[in-house]
N, C-alpha and C. Protein backbone atom coordinates (compact mmCIF):
# COMPACT_ATOMS: atom_id res chain seq x y z
N UNK A 1 -2.70 46.32 -59.57
CA UNK A 1 -3.29 46.26 -60.89
C UNK A 1 -2.64 45.13 -61.69
N UNK A 2 -3.43 44.36 -62.43
CA UNK A 2 -2.90 43.26 -63.24
C UNK A 2 -2.01 43.79 -64.35
N UNK A 3 -0.98 43.02 -64.67
CA UNK A 3 -0.09 43.39 -65.78
C UNK A 3 -0.73 43.03 -67.11
N UNK A 4 -1.51 41.94 -67.15
CA UNK A 4 -2.21 41.52 -68.36
C UNK A 4 -3.69 41.77 -68.20
N UNK A 5 -4.28 42.34 -69.23
CA UNK A 5 -5.72 42.58 -69.23
C UNK A 5 -6.34 41.84 -70.40
N UNK A 6 -7.59 41.45 -70.26
CA UNK A 6 -8.29 40.72 -71.32
C UNK A 6 -9.67 41.32 -71.50
N UNK A 7 -10.01 41.58 -72.76
CA UNK A 7 -11.36 42.00 -73.13
C UNK A 7 -11.80 41.14 -74.30
N UNK A 8 -13.09 41.14 -74.58
CA UNK A 8 -13.65 40.36 -75.68
C UNK A 8 -14.45 41.27 -76.61
N UNK A 9 -13.78 41.98 -77.50
CA UNK A 9 -14.50 42.85 -78.44
C UNK A 9 -15.44 42.05 -79.35
N UNK A 10 -16.48 42.73 -79.80
CA UNK A 10 -17.48 42.14 -80.69
C UNK A 10 -18.08 43.25 -81.54
N UNK A 11 -18.78 42.86 -82.58
CA UNK A 11 -19.41 43.85 -83.46
C UNK A 11 -20.80 44.20 -82.93
N UNK A 12 -21.08 45.50 -82.91
CA UNK A 12 -22.40 46.01 -82.54
C UNK A 12 -22.70 47.17 -83.48
N UNK A 13 -23.79 47.06 -84.22
CA UNK A 13 -24.17 48.08 -85.19
C UNK A 13 -23.03 48.40 -86.16
N UNK A 14 -22.28 47.35 -86.51
CA UNK A 14 -21.20 47.49 -87.47
C UNK A 14 -19.91 48.05 -86.91
N UNK A 15 -19.83 48.23 -85.59
CA UNK A 15 -18.63 48.80 -84.96
C UNK A 15 -18.04 47.80 -83.96
N UNK A 16 -16.71 47.85 -83.82
CA UNK A 16 -16.07 47.08 -82.76
C UNK A 16 -16.31 47.77 -81.43
N UNK A 17 -16.82 47.01 -80.47
CA UNK A 17 -17.08 47.52 -79.13
C UNK A 17 -16.66 46.44 -78.13
N UNK A 18 -16.59 46.82 -76.86
CA UNK A 18 -16.34 45.83 -75.82
C UNK A 18 -17.03 46.26 -74.54
N UNK A 19 -17.28 45.28 -73.69
CA UNK A 19 -17.85 45.50 -72.37
C UNK A 19 -16.80 45.10 -71.33
N UNK A 20 -16.73 45.83 -70.27
CA UNK A 20 -15.88 45.45 -69.14
C UNK A 20 -16.56 45.95 -67.88
N UNK A 21 -17.31 45.07 -67.26
CA UNK A 21 -18.10 45.42 -66.08
C UNK A 21 -17.23 46.00 -64.98
N UNK A 22 -16.04 45.42 -64.76
CA UNK A 22 -15.16 45.91 -63.70
C UNK A 22 -14.69 47.34 -63.95
N UNK A 23 -14.57 47.72 -65.23
CA UNK A 23 -14.13 49.08 -65.57
C UNK A 23 -15.31 50.02 -65.79
N UNK A 24 -16.52 49.49 -65.71
CA UNK A 24 -17.70 50.32 -65.91
C UNK A 24 -17.94 50.70 -67.37
N UNK A 25 -17.52 49.85 -68.29
CA UNK A 25 -17.65 50.13 -69.72
C UNK A 25 -18.65 49.18 -70.37
N UNK A 26 -19.56 49.74 -71.15
CA UNK A 26 -20.55 48.95 -71.88
C UNK A 26 -20.57 49.45 -73.31
N UNK A 27 -20.37 48.55 -74.25
CA UNK A 27 -20.33 48.86 -75.68
C UNK A 27 -19.41 50.05 -75.98
N UNK A 28 -18.24 50.03 -75.35
CA UNK A 28 -17.21 51.06 -75.59
C UNK A 28 -16.64 50.84 -76.99
N UNK A 29 -16.77 51.83 -77.88
CA UNK A 29 -16.35 51.61 -79.26
C UNK A 29 -14.86 51.86 -79.51
N UNK A 30 -14.34 51.14 -80.48
CA UNK A 30 -13.02 51.41 -81.04
C UNK A 30 -13.26 52.24 -82.30
N UNK A 31 -12.62 53.40 -82.40
CA UNK A 31 -12.81 54.31 -83.53
C UNK A 31 -11.46 54.87 -83.97
N UNK A 32 -11.48 55.72 -84.99
CA UNK A 32 -10.33 56.50 -85.43
C UNK A 32 -9.08 55.66 -85.67
N UNK A 33 -9.23 54.63 -86.44
CA UNK A 33 -8.10 53.79 -86.79
C UNK A 33 -7.96 52.54 -85.95
N UNK A 34 -8.41 52.58 -84.69
CA UNK A 34 -8.33 51.39 -83.84
C UNK A 34 -9.21 50.27 -84.43
N UNK A 35 -10.36 50.66 -84.98
CA UNK A 35 -11.26 49.68 -85.60
C UNK A 35 -10.60 49.04 -86.82
N UNK A 36 -9.94 49.83 -87.64
CA UNK A 36 -9.26 49.32 -88.83
C UNK A 36 -8.08 48.45 -88.45
N UNK A 37 -7.35 48.85 -87.42
CA UNK A 37 -6.23 48.05 -86.95
C UNK A 37 -6.72 46.68 -86.49
N UNK A 38 -7.82 46.65 -85.79
CA UNK A 38 -8.41 45.36 -85.37
C UNK A 38 -8.72 44.51 -86.59
N UNK A 39 -9.35 45.09 -87.61
CA UNK A 39 -9.66 44.33 -88.82
C UNK A 39 -8.41 43.73 -89.45
N UNK A 40 -7.34 44.53 -89.54
CA UNK A 40 -6.08 44.04 -90.12
C UNK A 40 -5.47 42.92 -89.28
N UNK A 41 -5.47 43.09 -87.97
CA UNK A 41 -4.89 42.08 -87.08
C UNK A 41 -5.66 40.77 -87.16
N UNK A 42 -6.98 40.85 -87.17
CA UNK A 42 -7.79 39.63 -87.25
C UNK A 42 -7.56 38.92 -88.58
N UNK A 43 -7.52 39.67 -89.67
CA UNK A 43 -7.29 39.07 -90.99
C UNK A 43 -5.92 38.40 -91.02
N UNK A 44 -4.91 39.05 -90.47
CA UNK A 44 -3.56 38.48 -90.47
C UNK A 44 -3.49 37.19 -89.66
N UNK A 45 -4.31 37.10 -88.63
CA UNK A 45 -4.33 35.90 -87.78
C UNK A 45 -5.35 34.85 -88.24
N UNK A 46 -6.16 35.18 -89.25
CA UNK A 46 -7.16 34.23 -89.73
C UNK A 46 -8.33 34.04 -88.78
N UNK A 47 -8.63 35.08 -88.01
CA UNK A 47 -9.73 35.02 -87.05
C UNK A 47 -10.96 35.67 -87.67
N UNK A 48 -12.10 34.99 -87.57
CA UNK A 48 -13.36 35.51 -88.10
C UNK A 48 -13.92 36.57 -87.15
N UNK A 49 -13.81 37.82 -87.54
CA UNK A 49 -14.23 38.91 -86.69
C UNK A 49 -15.70 38.94 -86.37
N UNK A 50 -16.53 38.43 -87.25
CA UNK A 50 -17.97 38.49 -87.00
C UNK A 50 -18.37 37.69 -85.77
N UNK A 51 -17.49 36.87 -85.27
CA UNK A 51 -17.77 36.06 -84.08
C UNK A 51 -17.15 36.65 -82.81
N UNK A 52 -16.53 37.81 -82.94
CA UNK A 52 -15.84 38.40 -81.80
C UNK A 52 -14.48 37.74 -81.61
N UNK A 53 -13.74 38.20 -80.63
CA UNK A 53 -12.42 37.64 -80.37
C UNK A 53 -11.99 38.02 -78.97
N UNK A 54 -10.88 37.47 -78.56
CA UNK A 54 -10.30 37.78 -77.25
C UNK A 54 -9.04 38.62 -77.48
N UNK A 55 -8.92 39.71 -76.77
CA UNK A 55 -7.78 40.60 -76.88
C UNK A 55 -7.08 40.69 -75.52
N UNK A 56 -5.85 40.18 -75.46
CA UNK A 56 -5.05 40.31 -74.25
C UNK A 56 -4.06 41.44 -74.52
N UNK A 57 -3.89 42.35 -73.55
CA UNK A 57 -2.99 43.47 -73.77
C UNK A 57 -2.27 43.85 -72.48
N UNK A 58 -1.11 44.51 -72.68
CA UNK A 58 -0.28 44.89 -71.55
C UNK A 58 0.64 46.02 -71.98
N UNK A 59 1.17 46.74 -71.00
CA UNK A 59 2.18 47.75 -71.26
C UNK A 59 3.58 47.13 -71.30
N UNK A 60 3.67 45.83 -71.03
CA UNK A 60 4.94 45.10 -71.05
C UNK A 60 4.84 43.93 -72.01
N UNK A 61 5.97 43.57 -72.58
CA UNK A 61 6.00 42.38 -73.44
C UNK A 61 5.58 41.17 -72.63
N UNK A 62 4.90 40.23 -73.29
CA UNK A 62 4.53 38.97 -72.65
C UNK A 62 4.63 37.86 -73.69
N UNK A 63 4.84 36.63 -73.26
CA UNK A 63 4.99 35.52 -74.21
C UNK A 63 3.76 35.40 -75.12
N UNK A 64 3.99 35.32 -76.41
CA UNK A 64 2.91 35.12 -77.36
C UNK A 64 2.26 36.39 -77.89
N UNK A 65 2.73 37.57 -77.48
CA UNK A 65 2.08 38.78 -78.00
C UNK A 65 2.27 38.82 -79.52
N UNK A 66 1.27 39.39 -80.20
CA UNK A 66 1.28 39.46 -81.66
C UNK A 66 1.79 40.78 -82.20
N UNK A 67 1.40 41.88 -81.56
CA UNK A 67 1.68 43.20 -82.10
C UNK A 67 2.08 44.17 -81.00
N UNK A 68 2.94 45.10 -81.39
CA UNK A 68 3.36 46.17 -80.49
C UNK A 68 2.88 47.49 -81.08
N UNK A 69 2.25 48.30 -80.25
CA UNK A 69 1.84 49.65 -80.64
C UNK A 69 2.70 50.63 -79.84
N UNK A 70 3.23 51.62 -80.50
CA UNK A 70 4.10 52.59 -79.86
C UNK A 70 3.36 53.91 -79.71
N UNK A 71 3.44 54.49 -78.51
CA UNK A 71 2.79 55.78 -78.26
C UNK A 71 3.36 56.82 -79.21
N UNK A 72 2.47 57.59 -79.83
CA UNK A 72 2.89 58.62 -80.78
C UNK A 72 2.68 60.02 -80.20
N UNK A 73 1.48 60.26 -79.64
CA UNK A 73 1.18 61.61 -79.14
C UNK A 73 -0.20 61.62 -78.48
N UNK A 74 -0.44 62.66 -77.70
CA UNK A 74 -1.78 62.94 -77.19
C UNK A 74 -2.53 63.68 -78.27
N UNK A 75 -3.84 63.58 -78.24
CA UNK A 75 -4.64 64.35 -79.17
C UNK A 75 -6.10 63.96 -79.14
N UNK A 76 -6.95 64.94 -79.41
CA UNK A 76 -8.38 64.73 -79.48
C UNK A 76 -8.93 64.07 -78.22
N UNK A 77 -8.33 64.39 -77.08
CA UNK A 77 -8.82 63.87 -75.81
C UNK A 77 -8.35 62.47 -75.48
N UNK A 78 -7.56 61.86 -76.35
CA UNK A 78 -7.06 60.52 -76.12
C UNK A 78 -5.59 60.43 -76.47
N UNK A 79 -5.16 59.25 -76.86
CA UNK A 79 -3.76 59.02 -77.22
C UNK A 79 -3.68 58.25 -78.53
N UNK A 80 -2.72 58.66 -79.35
CA UNK A 80 -2.48 58.01 -80.63
C UNK A 80 -1.31 57.04 -80.49
N UNK A 81 -1.50 55.86 -81.07
CA UNK A 81 -0.47 54.82 -81.08
C UNK A 81 -0.18 54.43 -82.52
N UNK A 82 1.06 54.01 -82.77
CA UNK A 82 1.48 53.63 -84.12
C UNK A 82 1.79 52.14 -84.17
N UNK A 83 1.29 51.49 -85.21
CA UNK A 83 1.58 50.09 -85.47
C UNK A 83 2.58 50.00 -86.61
N UNK A 84 3.78 49.56 -86.30
CA UNK A 84 4.79 49.35 -87.33
C UNK A 84 4.38 48.20 -88.24
N UNK A 85 3.69 47.20 -87.70
CA UNK A 85 3.25 46.05 -88.50
C UNK A 85 2.30 46.47 -89.62
N UNK A 86 1.39 47.39 -89.32
CA UNK A 86 0.38 47.78 -90.29
C UNK A 86 0.61 49.19 -90.84
N UNK A 87 1.68 49.85 -90.39
CA UNK A 87 2.04 51.19 -90.87
C UNK A 87 0.86 52.16 -90.77
N UNK A 88 0.28 52.19 -89.57
CA UNK A 88 -0.88 53.06 -89.35
C UNK A 88 -0.98 53.48 -87.90
N UNK A 89 -1.72 54.57 -87.68
CA UNK A 89 -2.00 55.04 -86.34
C UNK A 89 -3.40 54.64 -85.92
N UNK A 90 -3.57 54.53 -84.61
CA UNK A 90 -4.87 54.23 -84.04
C UNK A 90 -5.04 55.08 -82.79
N UNK A 91 -6.23 55.64 -82.62
CA UNK A 91 -6.53 56.49 -81.48
C UNK A 91 -7.21 55.66 -80.40
N UNK A 92 -6.75 55.81 -79.17
CA UNK A 92 -7.39 55.17 -78.03
C UNK A 92 -7.96 56.25 -77.13
N UNK A 93 -9.23 56.12 -76.84
CA UNK A 93 -9.96 57.13 -76.08
C UNK A 93 -9.57 57.10 -74.61
N UNK A 94 -10.10 58.01 -73.81
CA UNK A 94 -9.75 58.06 -72.38
C UNK A 94 -10.10 56.80 -71.60
N UNK A 95 -10.84 55.87 -72.18
CA UNK A 95 -11.09 54.60 -71.49
C UNK A 95 -9.78 53.86 -71.23
N UNK A 96 -8.72 54.23 -71.96
CA UNK A 96 -7.39 53.67 -71.72
C UNK A 96 -7.00 53.81 -70.25
N UNK A 97 -7.45 54.91 -69.62
CA UNK A 97 -7.07 55.18 -68.24
C UNK A 97 -7.89 54.36 -67.23
N UNK A 98 -8.81 53.55 -67.71
CA UNK A 98 -9.45 52.56 -66.84
C UNK A 98 -8.49 51.40 -66.58
N UNK A 99 -7.46 51.28 -67.43
CA UNK A 99 -6.50 50.17 -67.36
C UNK A 99 -5.09 50.61 -66.98
N UNK A 100 -4.76 51.86 -67.22
CA UNK A 100 -3.42 52.37 -66.95
C UNK A 100 -3.52 53.75 -66.30
N UNK A 101 -2.61 54.03 -65.39
CA UNK A 101 -2.59 55.35 -64.73
C UNK A 101 -2.17 56.45 -65.69
N UNK A 102 -1.31 56.11 -66.64
CA UNK A 102 -0.88 57.04 -67.68
C UNK A 102 -0.74 56.27 -68.98
N UNK A 103 -0.72 56.98 -70.09
CA UNK A 103 -0.61 56.32 -71.39
C UNK A 103 0.74 55.60 -71.48
N UNK A 104 0.73 54.28 -71.68
CA UNK A 104 1.99 53.55 -71.78
C UNK A 104 2.79 53.95 -73.02
N UNK A 105 4.11 53.84 -72.91
CA UNK A 105 4.98 54.11 -74.06
C UNK A 105 4.75 53.10 -75.17
N UNK A 106 4.32 51.91 -74.80
CA UNK A 106 4.02 50.87 -75.78
C UNK A 106 2.89 50.01 -75.23
N UNK A 107 2.13 49.43 -76.14
CA UNK A 107 1.10 48.45 -75.80
C UNK A 107 1.40 47.18 -76.59
N UNK A 108 1.28 46.05 -75.92
CA UNK A 108 1.50 44.75 -76.55
C UNK A 108 0.17 44.02 -76.55
N UNK A 109 -0.15 43.41 -77.69
CA UNK A 109 -1.47 42.80 -77.83
C UNK A 109 -1.40 41.41 -78.44
N UNK A 110 -2.27 40.56 -77.96
CA UNK A 110 -2.44 39.21 -78.51
C UNK A 110 -3.89 39.06 -78.91
N UNK A 111 -4.13 38.66 -80.15
CA UNK A 111 -5.46 38.44 -80.69
C UNK A 111 -5.70 36.94 -80.78
N UNK A 112 -6.80 36.48 -80.20
CA UNK A 112 -7.15 35.07 -80.22
C UNK A 112 -8.63 34.92 -80.55
N UNK A 113 -8.99 33.82 -81.18
CA UNK A 113 -10.43 33.56 -81.37
C UNK A 113 -11.09 33.36 -80.01
N UNK A 114 -12.40 33.55 -79.99
CA UNK A 114 -13.13 33.23 -78.77
C UNK A 114 -12.92 31.76 -78.46
N UNK A 115 -13.08 31.39 -77.23
CA UNK A 115 -12.81 30.01 -76.79
C UNK A 115 -13.63 28.98 -77.58
N UNK A 116 -14.80 29.38 -78.06
CA UNK A 116 -15.66 28.43 -78.77
C UNK A 116 -15.34 28.36 -80.27
N UNK A 117 -14.37 29.16 -80.72
CA UNK A 117 -14.03 29.21 -82.13
C UNK A 117 -12.58 28.77 -82.35
N UNK A 118 -12.32 28.10 -83.42
CA UNK A 118 -10.98 27.74 -83.84
C UNK A 118 -10.62 28.62 -85.02
N UNK A 119 -9.39 29.15 -85.07
CA UNK A 119 -8.95 29.92 -86.24
C UNK A 119 -8.79 28.98 -87.42
N UNK A 120 -9.14 29.46 -88.60
CA UNK A 120 -8.99 28.62 -89.80
C UNK A 120 -7.54 28.54 -90.22
């Protein structure tokens, strides 16, 4: 399994979603705080969310990561993570297990504009 994963979330019907053909996911939504965390991260990086973005993530630190999320607890069929940067929790649904065998103690994320977009 790769240590670094990449998805390209985009807005659909006003919600952050992503597709990952290899994982069998189509328009998988981010909800319960994960959507708000994305909004905060994009604003902090100056990335225009309406154009989508690239999200690289891993259970291990990697050069250039922007944010660390710490596992808080299981609940509501998924796992809750805490962002010290934004002082908030975000829920990740069971789709997390398409990428990890178990919920990682921490997730590291890098937010980048899509390749065709430059951050302002």
